[in-house]
Amino acid sequence: MIDVALTAFVTMFVIIDPIGLSPLFAALSQGMDRAARRRAAGRAALIGFGVLAVFGVAGERLLDVIGIGFPAFRISGGILLFLISVEMLFDRRTERRSKAVDTAEAEHDGPDPSVFPMAVPLLAGPGALATIILLMGQNRGDYATQAAILGTTGLVVLLTYVGMRASSLLEHLLGQVGINVITRLLGMLLAALSVQFVIDGLRDVGALTPLPG
């Protein structure tokens, strides 16, 4: 269970990327006082975790209803995560997220960015939703491990909340270059994790045989 929880923490941390989200929250919350920033960060974290938890608990049942086998979702989810890792390695994810910030600023008159785009899609985006469904589905029936997965996801969301609260400080300490370096390192790790998801899915359908030993 500890190994699964650690894998869940690392994967969700890489996907959600609390460090990369911090400067985006700082940009979205410009002009807000400290109390309003704190409320917006808390609301984004709560809503984001709620969405992730619902998809984690009910996601596999939804797949069954619409007739999608879990091995197929493993393969497609792994491909999706690999594409996200490529974006991280070539710094395209930051550009895409910045466009989401610009869209939110253009479409909303109010100053509160907590629901859109912070909670959805920046915190609980397609990659994070696919990941938690994959992790929960791999441990179906093991409720203790599933609870640990939800707990580690909550820990990552909590770290994201802390990062949003300290967004100005993080940006000052790391600088944009430091944030870009960390994002690329996390992208390399995510690429390896995503390939493993695809390999596991191919083994499930018999396209690959397990290596001896």
Foldseek 3Di string as FASTA:
>chain_A
DVVLLVVLLLLLCLQLVLLLCLLLLVVLQPPPDLVLLLVLLVLLLVLLLVVLVVLLVCVVVVCVVVVHDLLVLLQVLLVVLLVVLVCLQVVVVSVVVVVQSVVVVVPDPDSRCRHPPRSPPSRVNPNSSSSSNNSSVVVPPVVVSNVSSSVSSSVSSVSSSVSNSCSVVSCVVQPPVNSSVVSNVSSVVSNVVSVVSNVVSCVVVPNDPDDDD
